[in-house]
C-alpha atoms as a PDB file:
ATOM      1  CA  MET A   1       3.867  12.009  12.385  1.00  0.00           C
ATOM      2  CA  TRP A   2       3.052   9.496  15.265  1.00  0.00           C
ATOM      3  CA  GLU A   3      -0.484   9.498  14.217  1.00  0.00           C
ATOM      4  CA  LEU A   4       0.459   8.412  10.978  1.00  0.00           C
ATOM      5  CA  PHE A   5       2.427   5.346  12.101  1.00  0.00           C
ATOM      6  CA  GLN A   6      -0.546   4.652  14.668  1.00  0.00           C
ATOM      7  CA  LYS A   7      -2.954   4.460  11.632  1.00  0.00           C
ATOM      8  CA  ILE A   8      -0.578   2.467   9.483  1.00  0.00           C
ATOM      9  CA  ALA A   9       0.093  -0.050  11.969  1.00  0.00           C
ATOM     10  CA  LYS A  10      -4.029  -0.385  12.697  1.00  0.00           C
ATOM     11  CA  TYR A  11      -3.995  -1.629   9.214  1.00  0.00           C
ATOM     12  CA  ASN A  12      -0.946  -4.321   9.575  1.00  0.00           C
ATOM     13  CA  ILE A  13       1.172  -2.689   6.983  1.00  0.00           C
ATOM     14  CA  THR A  14       4.551  -1.392   7.100  1.00  0.00           C
ATOM     15  CA  PRO A  15       5.636   2.226   6.276  1.00  0.00           C
ATOM     16  CA  ASN A  16       7.194   0.695   2.999  1.00  0.00           C
ATOM     17  CA  GLU A  17       4.060  -0.978   2.257  1.00  0.00           C
ATOM     18  CA  CYS A  18       2.028   2.090   2.757  1.00  0.00           C
ATOM     19  CA  LEU A  19       4.437   3.999   0.456  1.00  0.00           C
ATOM     20  CA  TYR A  20       4.319   1.406  -2.369  1.00  0.00           C
ATOM     21  CA  LEU A  21       0.591   1.292  -1.912  1.00  0.00           C
ATOM     22  CA  PHE A  22       0.559   5.075  -2.455  1.00  0.00           C
ATOM     23  CA  SER A  23       2.705   4.859  -5.425  1.00  0.00           C
ATOM     24  CA  ILE A  24       0.542   2.630  -7.039  1.00  0.00           C
ATOM     25  CA  LYS A  25      -2.336   4.895  -6.442  1.00  0.00           C
ATOM     26  CA  GLU A  26      -0.318   7.808  -7.896  1.00  0.00           C
ATOM     27  CA  LYS A  27       1.223   5.784 -10.825  1.00  0.00           C
ATOM     28  CA  ILE A  28       4.688   6.507  -9.895  1.00  0.00           C
ATOM     29  CA  THR A  29       8.010   4.782  -8.883  1.00  0.00           C
ATOM     30  CA  SER A  30       9.754   5.277  -5.872  1.00  0.00           C
ATOM     31  CA  ALA A  31      13.609   5.217  -5.484  1.00  0.00           C
ATOM     32  CA  PHE A  32      12.720   4.011  -1.770  1.00  0.00           C
ATOM     33  CA  VAL A  33      10.887   0.818  -2.019  1.00  0.00           C
ATOM     34  CA  SER A  34      10.418  -1.756  -4.555  1.00  0.00           C
ATOM     35  CA  GLY A  35       7.453  -4.074  -5.307  1.00  0.00           C
ATOM     36  CA  GLU A  36       9.692  -7.373  -4.724  1.00  0.00           C
ATOM     37  CA  THR A  37       8.752  -7.517  -1.244  1.00  0.00           C
ATOM     38  CA  GLU A  38       5.885  -5.028  -0.756  1.00  0.00           C
ATOM     39  CA  LEU A  39       3.842  -6.319  -3.571  1.00  0.00           C
ATOM     40  CA  PRO A  40       3.497  -9.941  -2.535  1.00  0.00           C
ATOM     41  CA  SER A  41       2.891  -9.071   1.188  1.00  0.00           C
ATOM     42  CA  LEU A  42       0.414  -6.361  -0.015  1.00  0.00           C
ATOM     43  CA  ILE A  43      -1.524  -8.883  -2.236  1.00  0.00           C
ATOM     44  CA  ALA A  44      -1.553 -11.439   0.582  1.00  0.00           C
ATOM     45  CA  LYS A  45      -3.235  -8.954   2.895  1.00  0.00           C
ATOM     46  CA  GLY A  46      -5.879  -8.314   0.161  1.00  0.00           C
ATOM     47  CA  TYR A  47      -4.990  -4.524  -0.518  1.00  0.00           C
ATOM     48  CA  LEU A  48      -3.758  -5.075  -4.025  1.00  0.00           C
ATOM     49  CA  LYS A  49      -4.516  -7.894  -6.821  1.00  0.00           C
ATOM     50  CA  MET A  50      -2.918  -8.817  -9.963  1.00  0.00           C
ATOM     51  CA  ASP A  51      -4.923  -8.717 -13.236  1.00  0.00           C
ATOM     52  CA  SER A  52      -3.137  -7.577 -16.529  1.00  0.00           C
ATOM     53  CA  ASN A  53      -1.850  -4.666 -14.348  1.00  0.00           C
ATOM     54  CA  ILE A  54      -1.860  -4.298 -10.484  1.00  0.00           C
ATOM     55  CA  VAL A  55      -4.975  -3.068  -8.910  1.00  0.00           C
ATOM     56  CA  ILE A  56      -6.039  -1.539  -5.704  1.00  0.00           C
ATOM     57  CA  THR A  57      -8.724  -3.542  -3.864  1.00  0.00           C
ATOM     58  CA  ALA A  58     -11.549  -1.937  -2.021  1.00  0.00           C
ATOM     59  CA  GLU A  59      -9.664  -2.393   1.183  1.00  0.00           C
ATOM     60  CA  GLY A  60      -6.776  -0.892  -0.289  1.00  0.00           C
ATOM     61  CA  LYS A  61      -8.752   2.178  -1.222  1.00  0.00           C
ATOM     62  CA  LYS A  62      -9.994   2.311   2.128  1.00  0.00           C
ATOM     63  CA  ILE A  63      -6.616   2.450   3.646  1.00  0.00           C
ATOM     64  CA  ILE A  64      -5.713   5.331   1.022  1.00  0.00           C
ATOM     65  CA  ASN A  65      -8.720   7.504   1.863  1.00  0.00           C
ATOM     66  CA  THR A  66      -8.202   7.066   5.627  1.00  0.00           C
ATOM     67  CA  LEU A  67      -4.495   8.158   5.249  1.00  0.00           C
ATOM     68  CA  ASP A  68      -4.876  10.704   2.610  1.00  0.00           C
END
């Protein structure tokens, strides 16, 4: 578990942002996080972007591939 937190910290994201990013990838909702705070932050960091839907950027996909 500690290794996971170290990897998450490397990308300057919180555990909730990580969970939200994976929920976007899997197209599911989580009862534990909402997009109210995580979405704007992940967009600002360049891991997500808004088109007509939420899209994972290449940098976001890199994080997912590293952690998955």
